[in-house]
Amino acid sequence: MFNFFDEIKSKVNLDHNLLNDYNIINISGKLLYVEGHQGVTIITKEMVAFKIKKGRVVVEGQDIILNELTENTLLLQGKITKMEIF
């Protein structure tokens, strides 16, 4: 089965063990898909924060909706204007 993240990782010359913590895709500033989160800590219409293996991600924007949440994936929808990894 095709896996987008595995395909991208196979094209770069890096140790694949370094690329297994989390994956984030921002689609046109309107959708944010995340694999490997470890829990949502803040959720408002303007901000969502979640834990990752070695830190935290904060997403800011307008009218953000948590569209899907599973044990290790999440999908945010809205106008995404900023994303920071701490």
Protein backbone atom coordinates (compact mmCIF):
# COMPACT_ATOMS: atom_id res chain seq x y z
CA MET A 1 0.00 0.00 0.00
CA PHE A 2 1.26 3.49 -0.87
CA ASN A 3 2.24 5.70 2.05
CA PHE A 4 2.98 9.34 1.22
CA PHE A 5 5.34 9.88 4.16
CA ASP A 6 7.30 6.69 3.48
CA GLU A 7 7.65 7.69 -0.18
CA ILE A 8 9.07 11.13 0.73
CA LYS A 9 11.44 9.62 3.31
CA SER A 10 12.78 7.17 0.72
CA LYS A 11 13.76 10.11 -1.54
CA VAL A 12 15.99 11.88 1.00
CA ASN A 13 19.43 10.84 2.09
CA LEU A 14 18.90 10.88 5.86
CA ASP A 15 18.82 8.28 8.59
CA HIS A 16 15.17 7.14 8.54
CA ASN A 17 15.23 6.69 12.32
CA LEU A 18 15.54 10.48 12.57
CA LEU A 19 12.31 10.90 10.63
CA ASN A 20 9.95 8.76 12.71
CA ASP A 21 8.81 11.12 15.49
CA TYR A 22 5.90 12.90 13.78
CA ASN A 23 4.66 14.01 10.36
CA ILE A 24 2.78 17.21 9.55
CA ILE A 25 1.26 18.27 6.24
CA ASN A 26 -0.22 21.73 5.69
CA ILE A 27 -2.54 21.78 2.69
CA SER A 28 -3.02 25.30 1.30
CA GLY A 29 -3.21 26.80 4.79
CA LYS A 30 -6.68 25.29 5.16
CA LEU A 31 -6.03 21.73 6.40
CA LEU A 32 -3.36 20.41 8.71
CA TYR A 33 -2.86 16.64 8.96
CA VAL A 34 -0.66 15.27 11.75
CA GLU A 35 0.64 11.77 12.46
CA GLY A 36 2.40 11.05 15.73
CA HIS A 37 0.80 13.53 18.14
CA GLN A 38 0.69 12.56 21.81
CA GLY A 39 -2.34 14.52 22.92
CA VAL A 40 -4.11 17.83 22.40
CA THR A 41 -3.43 20.35 25.17
CA ILE A 42 -5.26 23.49 23.95
CA ILE A 43 -8.13 23.87 21.54
CA THR A 44 -9.89 27.12 20.66
CA LYS A 45 -11.18 28.64 17.42
CA GLU A 46 -7.88 30.57 17.14
CA MET A 47 -5.33 28.05 18.46
CA VAL A 48 -4.65 24.34 18.82
CA ALA A 49 -1.65 22.98 20.69
CA PHE A 50 -0.58 19.37 20.92
CA LYS A 51 2.32 17.33 22.22
CA ILE A 52 4.81 15.48 20.06
CA LYS A 53 7.59 13.12 21.10
CA LYS A 54 10.20 15.80 21.80
CA GLY A 55 8.15 18.94 22.24
CA ARG A 56 4.97 20.75 21.39
CA VAL A 57 3.30 22.20 18.29
CA VAL A 58 1.15 25.34 18.38
CA VAL A 59 -1.09 26.11 15.41
CA GLU A 60 -2.73 29.54 15.12
CA GLY A 61 -5.40 30.78 12.76
CA GLN A 62 -9.08 31.57 12.38
CA ASP A 63 -12.12 29.33 12.73
CA ILE A 64 -10.00 26.26 13.45
CA ILE A 65 -11.99 23.06 13.83
CA LEU A 66 -10.65 19.74 15.06
CA ASN A 67 -12.13 17.69 12.23
CA GLU A 68 -10.72 14.30 13.23
CA LEU A 69 -8.84 12.95 16.23
CA THR A 70 -7.50 9.44 16.72
CA GLU A 71 -4.91 7.96 19.03
CA ASN A 72 -2.01 9.33 16.98
CA THR A 73 -3.50 11.39 14.11
CA LEU A 74 -5.42 14.62 13.91
CA LEU A 75 -6.91 16.77 11.19
CA LEU A 76 -7.44 20.50 11.64
CA GLN A 77 -9.55 22.63 9.33
CA GLY A 78 -9.72 26.42 9.12
CA LYS A 79 -7.51 29.32 8.10
CA ILE A 80 -4.07 28.30 9.37
CA THR A 81 -1.78 31.32 9.62
CA LYS A 82 1.06 30.11 11.85
CA MET A 83 2.61 26.92 13.14
CA GLU A 84 5.45 26.72 15.64
CA ILE A 85 7.31 23.72 16.99
CA PHE A 86 8.88 24.04 20.44
